[in-house]
Amino acid sequence: MYKVVLKATTMAHNLIKSVVTDGDLVVDATLGNGNDTIFLSGLTPNGKVYAFDIQDEAVVKFKKMIADENINNVEVINDGHENIDRYVHDKVKVIMFNLGYLPGADKSITTKKETTLIALEKSLELLMPGGLMTVAAYIGHDEGAKEAEAVLDLIKSLDSKKYSVMQISFLNRNNAPFLVVIEKNDNCRVNK
């Protein structure tokens, strides 16, 4: 049986597949366990994936895994996504955010609204026309609920001439994560 209503990360992957071509520059702004990074790496083996995480544990574990698997199109950056502009200097096709905490790790270490808002604003500048940004937001914990509210406030204020924005959420589940998809409209000038 084919399932149409999917979890937020699966929906993000399906949308991203429709715009990424091999050779593209893409970003996983929240490495975590690396699932989105591996997904992006597979879509663009001749491109480049930047992956950010502040947690040493996540970075060390993932670097070992990509070395063991001989994956060489990923640059893992042990820094916060709010510093994306220090590392990424060219326009990118896709930027993924999977907010919250690292599954199976210390739940007190989580993305924060202050740094996430900075990262989103910088990422919007890096996104090329026709590019997508996805944000999976988790509202089931206190910091996640505050962060999600701030993210929604920011994206609601985006100029509709520059960005098309959609929110996908479950209406019959309490505290379910939701997905925000932002497409930079083709009529936006690229300033390099």
N, C-alpha and C. Protein backbone atom coordinates (compact mmCIF):
# COMPACT_ATOMS: atom_id res chain seq x y z
N MET A 1 0.84 -1.18 0.00
CA MET A 1 0.00 0.00 0.00
C MET A 1 0.88 1.24 0.00
N TYR A 2 0.59 2.17 -0.88
CA TYR A 2 1.35 3.41 -0.99
C TYR A 2 0.81 4.42 0.01
N LYS A 3 1.68 4.98 0.82
CA LYS A 3 1.29 5.96 1.82
C LYS A 3 1.52 7.37 1.26
N VAL A 4 0.51 8.20 1.29
CA VAL A 4 0.59 9.56 0.75
C VAL A 4 0.96 10.56 1.84
N VAL A 5 0.37 10.43 3.02
CA VAL A 5 0.65 11.34 4.11
C VAL A 5 1.89 10.83 4.83
N LEU A 6 2.98 11.56 4.66
CA LEU A 6 4.29 11.10 5.12
C LEU A 6 4.81 11.98 6.23
N LYS A 7 5.85 11.49 6.93
CA LYS A 7 6.45 12.32 7.96
C LYS A 7 7.20 13.49 7.32
N ALA A 8 7.47 14.51 8.10
CA ALA A 8 8.03 15.76 7.59
C ALA A 8 9.33 15.55 6.83
N THR A 9 10.24 14.74 7.36
CA THR A 9 11.52 14.55 6.69
C THR A 9 11.37 13.83 5.35
N THR A 10 10.47 12.88 5.27
CA THR A 10 10.23 12.18 4.00
C THR A 10 9.63 13.12 2.97
N MET A 11 8.71 13.96 3.39
CA MET A 11 8.14 14.95 2.47
C MET A 11 9.22 15.91 1.97
N ALA A 12 10.11 16.32 2.87
CA ALA A 12 11.21 17.21 2.47
C ALA A 12 12.07 16.53 1.42
N HIS A 13 12.41 15.27 1.63
CA HIS A 13 13.23 14.53 0.68
C HIS A 13 12.55 14.46 -0.69
N ASN A 14 11.27 14.17 -0.69
CA ASN A 14 10.54 14.05 -1.96
C ASN A 14 10.54 15.37 -2.74
N LEU A 15 10.37 16.47 -2.04
CA LEU A 15 10.38 17.78 -2.70
C LEU A 15 11.78 18.12 -3.22
N ILE A 16 12.78 17.83 -2.43
CA ILE A 16 14.15 18.15 -2.81
C ILE A 16 14.59 17.35 -4.03
N LYS A 17 14.16 16.10 -4.11
CA LYS A 17 14.50 15.27 -5.28
C LYS A 17 14.07 15.94 -6.58
N SER A 18 13.01 16.72 -6.53
CA SER A 18 12.47 17.32 -7.75
C SER A 18 13.28 18.51 -8.25
N VAL A 19 14.19 19.05 -7.42
CA VAL A 19 14.95 20.22 -7.86
C VAL A 19 16.46 20.00 -7.94
N VAL A 20 16.99 19.02 -7.22
CA VAL A 20 18.44 18.82 -7.20
C VAL A 20 18.88 18.00 -8.40
N THR A 21 19.96 18.45 -9.02
CA THR A 21 20.60 17.68 -10.08
C THR A 21 22.05 17.45 -9.70
N ASP A 22 22.64 16.40 -10.24
CA ASP A 22 24.01 16.09 -9.92
C ASP A 22 24.91 17.27 -10.26
N GLY A 23 25.81 17.56 -9.35
CA GLY A 23 26.71 18.69 -9.51
C GLY A 23 26.31 19.90 -8.70
N ASP A 24 25.10 19.89 -8.14
CA ASP A 24 24.63 21.04 -7.35
C ASP A 24 25.38 21.17 -6.03
N LEU A 25 25.34 22.38 -5.50
CA LEU A 25 25.85 22.70 -4.17
C LEU A 25 24.65 22.72 -3.24
N VAL A 26 24.70 21.94 -2.15
CA VAL A 26 23.58 21.82 -1.24
C VAL A 26 24.07 21.86 0.21
N VAL A 27 23.16 22.13 1.15
CA VAL A 27 23.54 22.29 2.55
C VAL A 27 22.58 21.53 3.46
N ASP A 28 23.16 20.79 4.41
CA ASP A 28 22.41 20.27 5.54
C ASP A 28 22.81 21.13 6.73
N ALA A 29 21.94 22.02 7.15
CA ALA A 29 22.25 22.98 8.20
C ALA A 29 22.25 22.36 9.59
N THR A 30 21.77 21.12 9.70
CA THR A 30 21.67 20.44 10.99
C THR A 30 22.03 18.97 10.82
N LEU A 31 23.29 18.65 10.83
CA LEU A 31 23.79 17.30 10.55
C LEU A 31 23.13 16.22 11.39
N GLY A 32 23.16 16.36 12.70
CA GLY A 32 22.58 15.33 13.58
C GLY A 32 23.19 13.97 13.32
N ASN A 33 22.36 12.98 13.05
CA ASN A 33 22.85 11.63 12.76
C ASN A 33 23.27 11.47 11.30
N GLY A 34 23.06 12.47 10.47
CA GLY A 34 23.57 12.46 9.11
C GLY A 34 22.63 11.93 8.05
N ASN A 35 21.40 11.62 8.39
CA ASN A 35 20.48 11.06 7.40
C ASN A 35 20.22 12.00 6.23
N ASP A 36 20.00 13.27 6.51
CA ASP A 36 19.76 14.23 5.42
C ASP A 36 21.04 14.46 4.61
N THR A 37 22.18 14.46 5.27
CA THR A 37 23.45 14.65 4.56
C THR A 37 23.70 13.50 3.59
N ILE A 38 23.48 12.29 4.03
CA ILE A 38 23.66 11.12 3.16
C ILE A 38 22.68 11.18 1.98
N PHE A 39 21.46 11.57 2.27
CA PHE A 39 20.45 11.74 1.21
C PHE A 39 20.94 12.75 0.17
N LEU A 40 21.39 13.92 0.62
CA LEU A 40 21.85 14.96 -0.28
C LEU A 40 23.10 14.52 -1.05
N SER A 41 24.00 13.84 -0.38
CA SER A 41 25.22 13.34 -1.02
C SER A 41 24.88 12.39 -2.17
N GLY A 42 23.89 11.55 -1.97
CA GLY A 42 23.47 10.61 -3.01
C GLY A 42 22.86 11.28 -4.21
N LEU A 43 22.21 12.44 -3.99
CA LEU A 43 21.58 13.16 -5.10
C LEU A 43 22.60 13.90 -5.97
N THR A 44 23.72 14.26 -5.37
CA THR A 44 24.70 15.08 -6.08
C THR A 44 26.12 14.57 -5.87
N PRO A 45 26.42 13.37 -6.37
CA PRO A 45 27.76 12.80 -6.17
C PRO A 45 28.89 13.62 -6.79
N ASN A 46 28.59 14.42 -7.80
CA ASN A 46 29.61 15.27 -8.41
C ASN A 46 29.48 16.72 -7.96
N GLY A 47 28.67 16.94 -6.95
CA GLY A 47 28.50 18.27 -6.38
C GLY A 47 29.16 18.33 -5.02
N LYS A 48 28.61 19.15 -4.16
CA LYS A 48 29.18 19.29 -2.82
C LYS A 48 28.07 19.49 -1.81
N VAL A 49 28.24 18.85 -0.67
CA VAL A 49 27.31 18.99 0.45
C VAL A 49 28.08 19.60 1.62
N TYR A 50 27.57 20.69 2.17
CA TYR A 50 28.08 21.24 3.42
C TYR A 50 27.13 20.77 4.52
N ALA A 51 27.69 20.27 5.61
CA ALA A 51 26.88 19.80 6.73
C ALA A 51 27.38 20.43 8.03
N PHE A 52 26.48 21.05 8.77
CA PHE A 52 26.83 21.78 9.99
C PHE A 52 26.29 21.10 11.23
N ASP A 53 27.10 21.08 12.29
CA ASP A 53 26.62 20.67 13.61
C ASP A 53 27.56 21.20 14.66
N ILE A 54 27.00 21.62 15.80
CA ILE A 54 27.82 22.14 16.89
C ILE A 54 28.30 21.04 17.83
N GLN A 55 27.71 19.87 17.73
CA GLN A 55 28.04 18.80 18.67
C GLN A 55 29.21 17.97 18.14
N ASP A 56 30.29 17.96 18.93
CA ASP A 56 31.48 17.18 18.56
C ASP A 56 31.13 15.73 18.30
N GLU A 57 30.28 15.16 19.14
CA GLU A 57 29.90 13.75 19.03
C GLU A 57 29.31 13.44 17.64
N ALA A 58 28.41 14.28 17.18
CA ALA A 58 27.78 14.07 15.89
C ALA A 58 28.79 14.21 14.75
N VAL A 59 29.66 15.19 14.84
CA VAL A 59 30.64 15.45 13.80
C VAL A 59 31.66 14.32 13.71
N VAL A 60 32.21 13.90 14.84
CA VAL A 60 33.21 12.83 14.85
C VAL A 60 32.62 11.54 14.32
N LYS A 61 31.44 11.19 14.79
CA LYS A 61 30.77 9.96 14.36
C LYS A 61 30.51 9.98 12.85
N PHE A 62 30.04 11.11 12.35
CA PHE A 62 29.70 11.19 10.93
C PHE A 62 30.95 11.20 10.06
N LYS A 63 31.99 11.91 10.48
CA LYS A 63 33.24 11.93 9.71
C LYS A 63 33.82 10.53 9.57
N LYS A 64 33.74 9.76 10.64
CA LYS A 64 34.24 8.37 10.58
C LYS A 64 33.40 7.56 9.60
N MET A 65 32.09 7.74 9.65
CA MET A 65 31.21 6.99 8.77
C MET A 65 31.47 7.31 7.30
N ILE A 66 31.62 8.60 6.95
CA ILE A 66 31.84 8.92 5.54
C ILE A 66 33.24 8.49 5.08
N ALA A 67 34.20 8.48 5.99
CA ALA A 67 35.53 7.98 5.64
C ALA A 67 35.46 6.47 5.37
N ASP A 68 34.75 5.74 6.23
CA ASP A 68 34.59 4.29 6.06
C ASP A 68 33.86 3.96 4.76
N GLU A 69 32.90 4.80 4.39
CA GLU A 69 32.09 4.58 3.18
C GLU A 69 32.70 5.22 1.94
N ASN A 70 33.84 5.90 2.11
CA ASN A 70 34.53 6.57 1.01
C ASN A 70 33.63 7.60 0.31
N ILE A 71 32.89 8.36 1.11
CA ILE A 71 32.05 9.45 0.60
C ILE A 71 32.90 10.71 0.63
N ASN A 72 33.14 11.32 -0.53
CA ASN A 72 34.07 12.44 -0.57
C ASN A 72 33.47 13.75 -1.07
N ASN A 73 32.15 13.83 -1.17
CA ASN A 73 31.54 15.09 -1.62
C ASN A 73 30.89 15.87 -0.47
N VAL A 74 31.25 15.51 0.77
CA VAL A 74 30.66 16.16 1.95
C VAL A 74 31.76 16.87 2.74
N GLU A 75 31.49 18.13 3.08
CA GLU A 75 32.36 18.85 4.00
C GLU A 75 31.59 19.03 5.31
N VAL A 76 32.09 18.40 6.36
CA VAL A 76 31.45 18.46 7.67
C VAL A 76 32.07 19.60 8.46
N ILE A 77 31.22 20.48 8.97
CA ILE A 77 31.68 21.68 9.65
C ILE A 77 31.19 21.66 11.09
N ASN A 78 32.12 21.67 12.02
CA ASN A 78 31.81 21.65 13.45
C ASN A 78 31.61 23.09 13.93
N ASP A 79 30.46 23.65 13.54
CA ASP A 79 30.12 25.02 13.88
C ASP A 79 28.61 25.18 13.77
N GLY A 80 28.09 26.23 14.35
CA GLY A 80 26.66 26.48 14.30
C GLY A 80 26.21 26.95 12.93
N HIS A 81 24.98 26.58 12.57
CA HIS A 81 24.45 26.97 11.26
C HIS A 81 24.31 28.48 11.10
N GLU A 82 24.32 29.21 12.19
CA GLU A 82 24.25 30.67 12.10
C GLU A 82 25.51 31.26 11.47
N ASN A 83 26.55 30.44 11.35
CA ASN A 83 27.81 30.88 10.74
C ASN A 83 27.96 30.36 9.31
N ILE A 84 26.88 29.99 8.69
CA ILE A 84 26.90 29.40 7.35
C ILE A 84 27.67 30.26 6.35
N ASP A 85 27.54 31.57 6.47
CA ASP A 85 28.19 32.47 5.51
C ASP A 85 29.70 32.52 5.64
N ARG A 86 30.26 31.97 6.72
CA ARG A 86 31.71 31.89 6.86
C ARG A 86 32.30 30.77 5.99
N TYR A 87 31.46 29.80 5.62
CA TYR A 87 31.93 28.60 4.92
C TYR A 87 31.37 28.46 3.51
N VAL A 88 30.16 28.92 3.31
CA VAL A 88 29.50 28.76 2.02
C VAL A 88 29.46 30.13 1.35
N HIS A 89 30.11 30.23 0.18
CA HIS A 89 30.24 31.53 -0.47
C HIS A 89 29.54 31.60 -1.82
N ASP A 90 29.08 30.45 -2.33
CA ASP A 90 28.38 30.40 -3.60
C ASP A 90 26.90 30.15 -3.37
N LYS A 91 26.10 30.44 -4.36
CA LYS A 91 24.66 30.17 -4.28
C LYS A 91 24.42 28.67 -4.24
N VAL A 92 23.41 28.25 -3.49
CA VAL A 92 23.11 26.83 -3.31
C VAL A 92 21.71 26.50 -3.80
N LYS A 93 21.52 25.24 -4.19
CA LYS A 93 20.23 24.78 -4.73
C LYS A 93 19.26 24.42 -3.60
N VAL A 94 19.77 23.80 -2.54
CA VAL A 94 18.91 23.32 -1.46
C VAL A 94 19.60 23.53 -0.11
N ILE A 95 18.81 23.92 0.87
CA ILE A 95 19.27 23.99 2.25
C ILE A 95 18.22 23.31 3.12
N MET A 96 18.65 22.33 3.91
CA MET A 96 17.74 21.59 4.79
C MET A 96 18.03 21.94 6.25
N PHE A 97 16.97 22.17 6.99
CA PHE A 97 17.04 22.35 8.44
C PHE A 97 16.15 21.28 9.06
N ASN A 98 16.67 20.53 10.00
CA ASN A 98 15.90 19.56 10.77
C ASN A 98 16.13 19.94 12.23
N LEU A 99 15.26 20.80 12.73
CA LEU A 99 15.46 21.43 14.03
C LEU A 99 15.22 20.46 15.19
N GLY A 100 15.68 20.89 16.37
CA GLY A 100 15.46 20.08 17.57
C GLY A 100 16.76 19.59 18.16
N TYR A 101 16.72 18.37 18.69
CA TYR A 101 17.91 17.79 19.33
C TYR A 101 18.31 16.51 18.60
N LEU A 102 19.53 16.09 18.87
CA LEU A 102 20.08 14.89 18.25
C LEU A 102 19.41 13.66 18.86
N PRO A 103 18.69 12.89 18.05
CA PRO A 103 18.04 11.69 18.59
C PRO A 103 19.05 10.75 19.25
N GLY A 104 18.71 10.30 20.44
CA GLY A 104 19.56 9.39 21.17
C GLY A 104 20.67 10.06 21.96
N ALA A 105 20.71 11.39 21.93
CA ALA A 105 21.76 12.13 22.65
C ALA A 105 21.13 13.01 23.74
N ASP A 106 21.90 13.92 24.27
CA ASP A 106 21.47 14.82 25.33
C ASP A 106 20.38 15.76 24.79
N LYS A 107 19.15 15.60 25.30
CA LYS A 107 18.02 16.39 24.82
C LYS A 107 18.07 17.85 25.28
N SER A 108 18.99 18.16 26.17
CA SER A 108 19.11 19.56 26.59
C SER A 108 19.91 20.38 25.56
N ILE A 109 20.60 19.69 24.67
CA ILE A 109 21.33 20.37 23.60
C ILE A 109 20.43 20.36 22.38
N THR A 110 19.93 21.53 22.05
CA THR A 110 18.94 21.65 20.97
C THR A 110 19.19 22.91 20.16
N THR A 111 18.65 22.94 18.96
CA THR A 111 18.73 24.18 18.20
C THR A 111 17.95 25.25 18.95
N LYS A 112 18.38 26.48 18.81
CA LYS A 112 17.77 27.60 19.53
C LYS A 112 17.22 28.62 18.54
N LYS A 113 16.13 29.25 18.94
CA LYS A 113 15.48 30.18 18.02
C LYS A 113 16.40 31.32 17.59
N GLU A 114 17.22 31.83 18.50
CA GLU A 114 18.07 32.97 18.17
C GLU A 114 19.05 32.63 17.04
N THR A 115 19.72 31.49 17.16
CA THR A 115 20.71 31.11 16.14
C THR A 115 20.03 30.59 14.88
N THR A 116 18.90 29.93 15.04
CA THR A 116 18.18 29.42 13.87
C THR A 116 17.67 30.56 13.01
N LEU A 117 17.16 31.62 13.63
CA LEU A 117 16.67 32.77 12.84
C LEU A 117 17.81 33.42 12.05
N ILE A 118 18.97 33.54 12.68
CA ILE A 118 20.13 34.10 11.97
C ILE A 118 20.49 33.19 10.80
N ALA A 119 20.51 31.88 11.05
CA ALA A 119 20.86 30.91 10.01
C ALA A 119 19.86 30.96 8.85
N LEU A 120 18.58 31.06 9.17
CA LEU A 120 17.56 31.12 8.12
C LEU A 120 17.73 32.38 7.25
N GLU A 121 17.96 33.51 7.90
CA GLU A 121 18.11 34.75 7.14
C GLU A 121 19.33 34.69 6.23
N LYS A 122 20.45 34.18 6.73
CA LYS A 122 21.66 34.06 5.91
C LYS A 122 21.44 33.03 4.79
N SER A 123 20.74 31.97 5.11
CA SER A 123 20.48 30.91 4.12
C SER A 123 19.60 31.41 2.99
N LEU A 124 18.64 32.24 3.30
CA LEU A 124 17.78 32.79 2.25
C LEU A 124 18.61 33.60 1.24
N GLU A 125 19.64 34.27 1.71
CA GLU A 125 20.52 35.02 0.82
C GLU A 125 21.36 34.09 -0.05
N LEU A 126 21.75 32.94 0.49
CA LEU A 126 22.58 31.99 -0.25
C LEU A 126 21.79 31.15 -1.26
N LEU A 127 20.49 31.06 -1.07
CA LEU A 127 19.65 30.22 -1.92
C LEU A 127 19.54 30.83 -3.32
N MET A 128 19.78 30.01 -4.34
CA MET A 128 19.67 30.50 -5.72
C MET A 128 18.21 30.54 -6.16
N PRO A 129 17.88 31.37 -7.13
CA PRO A 129 16.52 31.37 -7.66
C PRO A 129 16.15 29.96 -8.14
N GLY A 130 14.95 29.52 -7.79
CA GLY A 130 14.51 28.17 -8.10
C GLY A 130 14.94 27.15 -7.06
N GLY A 131 15.73 27.59 -6.09
CA GLY A 131 16.19 26.69 -5.02
C GLY A 131 15.16 26.53 -3.92
N LEU A 132 15.34 25.48 -3.12
CA LEU A 132 14.42 25.18 -2.03
C LEU A 132 15.13 25.18 -0.68
N MET A 133 14.40 25.62 0.33
CA MET A 133 14.83 25.45 1.71
C MET A 133 13.71 24.71 2.42
N THR A 134 14.07 23.68 3.17
CA THR A 134 13.08 22.96 3.97
C THR A 134 13.45 23.11 5.43
N VAL A 135 12.42 23.25 6.26
CA VAL A 135 12.61 23.37 7.70
C VAL A 135 11.63 22.42 8.39
N ALA A 136 12.17 21.37 8.99
CA ALA A 136 11.35 20.47 9.81
C ALA A 136 11.44 20.98 11.24
N ALA A 137 10.30 21.38 11.80
CA ALA A 137 10.26 21.97 13.14
C ALA A 137 9.51 21.04 14.08
N TYR A 138 10.08 20.86 15.26
CA TYR A 138 9.52 19.94 16.26
C TYR A 138 9.02 20.76 17.45
N ILE A 139 7.72 20.62 17.73
CA ILE A 139 7.10 21.46 18.75
C ILE A 139 6.81 20.70 20.04
N GLY A 140 7.30 19.47 20.14
CA GLY A 140 7.00 18.63 21.29
C GLY A 140 7.84 18.89 22.52
N HIS A 141 8.74 19.87 22.49
CA HIS A 141 9.51 20.25 23.68
C HIS A 141 9.54 21.77 23.75
N ASP A 142 9.82 22.31 24.94
CA ASP A 142 9.69 23.75 25.17
C ASP A 142 10.49 24.60 24.19
N GLU A 143 11.78 24.29 24.04
CA GLU A 143 12.61 25.09 23.13
C GLU A 143 12.12 24.96 21.70
N GLY A 144 11.69 23.76 21.33
CA GLY A 144 11.19 23.53 19.97
C GLY A 144 9.94 24.34 19.68
N ALA A 145 9.05 24.45 20.65
CA ALA A 145 7.82 25.23 20.46
C ALA A 145 8.14 26.72 20.27
N LYS A 146 9.07 27.24 21.07
CA LYS A 146 9.49 28.65 20.93
C LYS A 146 10.16 28.88 19.58
N GLU A 147 11.03 27.95 19.22
CA GLU A 147 11.75 28.07 17.95
C GLU A 147 10.79 28.02 16.76
N ALA A 148 9.85 27.08 16.81
CA ALA A 148 8.88 26.94 15.71
C ALA A 148 8.05 28.20 15.55
N GLU A 149 7.62 28.79 16.65
CA GLU A 149 6.84 30.03 16.59
C GLU A 149 7.65 31.16 15.95
N ALA A 150 8.93 31.27 16.32
CA ALA A 150 9.79 32.30 15.76
C ALA A 150 10.03 32.06 14.26
N VAL A 151 10.21 30.79 13.89
CA VAL A 151 10.41 30.46 12.47
C VAL A 151 9.18 30.86 11.67
N LEU A 152 8.00 30.52 12.17
CA LEU A 152 6.78 30.88 11.46
C LEU A 152 6.62 32.39 11.33
N ASP A 153 6.95 33.12 12.38
CA ASP A 153 6.88 34.58 12.32
C ASP A 153 7.80 35.12 11.23
N LEU A 154 9.00 34.58 11.15
CA LEU A 154 9.95 35.03 10.13
C LEU A 154 9.44 34.72 8.73
N ILE A 155 9.03 33.51 8.49
CA ILE A 155 8.65 33.14 7.12
C ILE A 155 7.36 33.80 6.67
N LYS A 156 6.48 34.10 7.60
CA LYS A 156 5.25 34.81 7.22
C LYS A 156 5.55 36.22 6.73
N SER A 157 6.69 36.76 7.15
CA SER A 157 7.05 38.12 6.77
C SER A 157 7.83 38.18 5.44
N LEU A 158 8.14 37.04 4.84
CA LEU A 158 8.91 37.04 3.60
C LEU A 158 8.11 37.63 2.45
N ASP A 159 8.78 38.38 1.61
CA ASP A 159 8.17 39.01 0.44
C ASP A 159 7.69 37.93 -0.53
N SER A 160 6.40 37.91 -0.83
CA SER A 160 5.84 36.89 -1.70
C SER A 160 6.30 37.02 -3.15
N LYS A 161 6.87 38.16 -3.49
CA LYS A 161 7.43 38.31 -4.84
C LYS A 161 8.78 37.58 -4.94
N LYS A 162 9.45 37.43 -3.81
CA LYS A 162 10.76 36.78 -3.79
C LYS A 162 10.69 35.30 -3.39
N TYR A 163 9.72 34.97 -2.55
CA TYR A 163 9.66 33.61 -1.99
C TYR A 163 8.24 33.06 -2.01
N SER A 164 8.13 31.79 -2.34
CA SER A 164 6.87 31.06 -2.17
C SER A 164 7.05 30.17 -0.96
N VAL A 165 6.14 30.26 -0.01
CA VAL A 165 6.30 29.56 1.27
C VAL A 165 5.07 28.71 1.55
N MET A 166 5.31 27.49 2.00
CA MET A 166 4.23 26.56 2.31
C MET A 166 4.54 25.88 3.64
N GLN A 167 3.50 25.64 4.41
CA GLN A 167 3.63 24.87 5.65
C GLN A 167 2.79 23.61 5.50
N ILE A 168 3.38 22.48 5.86
CA ILE A 168 2.68 21.20 5.83
C ILE A 168 2.66 20.67 7.25
N SER A 169 1.47 20.40 7.77
CA SER A 169 1.40 19.92 9.15
C SER A 169 0.23 18.95 9.33
N PHE A 170 0.37 18.11 10.33
CA PHE A 170 -0.71 17.20 10.71
C PHE A 170 -1.71 17.98 11.55
N LEU A 171 -2.97 17.87 11.24
CA LEU A 171 -4.00 18.59 12.00
C LEU A 171 -4.62 17.73 13.09
N ASN A 172 -4.42 16.42 13.02
CA ASN A 172 -5.05 15.54 14.00
C ASN A 172 -4.05 14.85 14.92
N ARG A 173 -2.86 15.42 15.06
CA ARG A 173 -1.84 14.88 15.97
C ARG A 173 -1.31 16.00 16.84
N ASN A 174 -1.28 15.75 18.13
CA ASN A 174 -0.76 16.75 19.06
C ASN A 174 0.76 16.80 18.99
N ASN A 175 1.31 18.01 18.95
CA ASN A 175 2.75 18.24 18.98
C ASN A 175 3.52 17.55 17.87
N ALA A 176 2.87 17.30 16.76
CA ALA A 176 3.55 16.66 15.62
C ALA A 176 4.46 17.68 14.94
N PRO A 177 5.60 17.24 14.43
CA PRO A 177 6.47 18.16 13.69
C PRO A 177 5.75 18.66 12.43
N PHE A 178 6.17 19.81 11.97
CA PHE A 178 5.63 20.31 10.71
C PHE A 178 6.79 20.67 9.79
N LEU A 179 6.46 20.81 8.53
CA LEU A 179 7.46 21.12 7.52
C LEU A 179 7.14 22.46 6.88
N VAL A 180 8.15 23.28 6.75
CA VAL A 180 8.05 24.53 6.01
C VAL A 180 8.92 24.37 4.76
N VAL A 181 8.38 24.76 3.62
CA VAL A 181 9.11 24.70 2.36
C VAL A 181 9.14 26.12 1.80
N ILE A 182 10.34 26.59 1.49
CA ILE A 182 10.52 27.93 0.94
C ILE A 182 11.21 27.78 -0.42
N GLU A 183 10.58 28.32 -1.44
CA GLU A 183 11.18 28.32 -2.77
C GLU A 183 11.53 29.76 -3.12
N LYS A 184 12.77 29.97 -3.53
CA LYS A 184 13.16 31.29 -3.98
C LYS A 184 12.69 31.44 -5.42
N ASN A 185 11.86 32.41 -5.65
CA ASN A 185 11.26 32.58 -6.97
C ASN A 185 12.30 32.88 -8.03
N ASP A 186 12.06 32.42 -9.24
CA ASP A 186 13.01 32.57 -10.34
C ASP A 186 13.28 34.01 -10.72
N ASN A 187 12.39 34.91 -10.38
CA ASN A 187 12.58 36.31 -10.77
C ASN A 187 13.52 37.07 -9.84
N CYS A 188 14.09 36.38 -8.84
CA CYS A 188 15.03 37.05 -7.93
C CYS A 188 16.40 37.12 -8.59
N ARG A 189 17.00 38.29 -8.56
CA ARG A 189 18.35 38.45 -9.11
C ARG A 189 19.36 37.74 -8.24
N VAL A 190 20.35 37.14 -8.86
CA VAL A 190 21.44 36.50 -8.13
C VAL A 190 22.56 37.50 -7.98
N ASN A 191 22.93 37.78 -6.73
CA ASN A 191 24.07 38.66 -6.46
C ASN A 191 25.19 37.83 -5.90
N LYS A 192 26.24 37.66 -6.63
CA LYS A 192 27.40 36.88 -6.14
C LYS A 192 28.46 37.79 -5.63
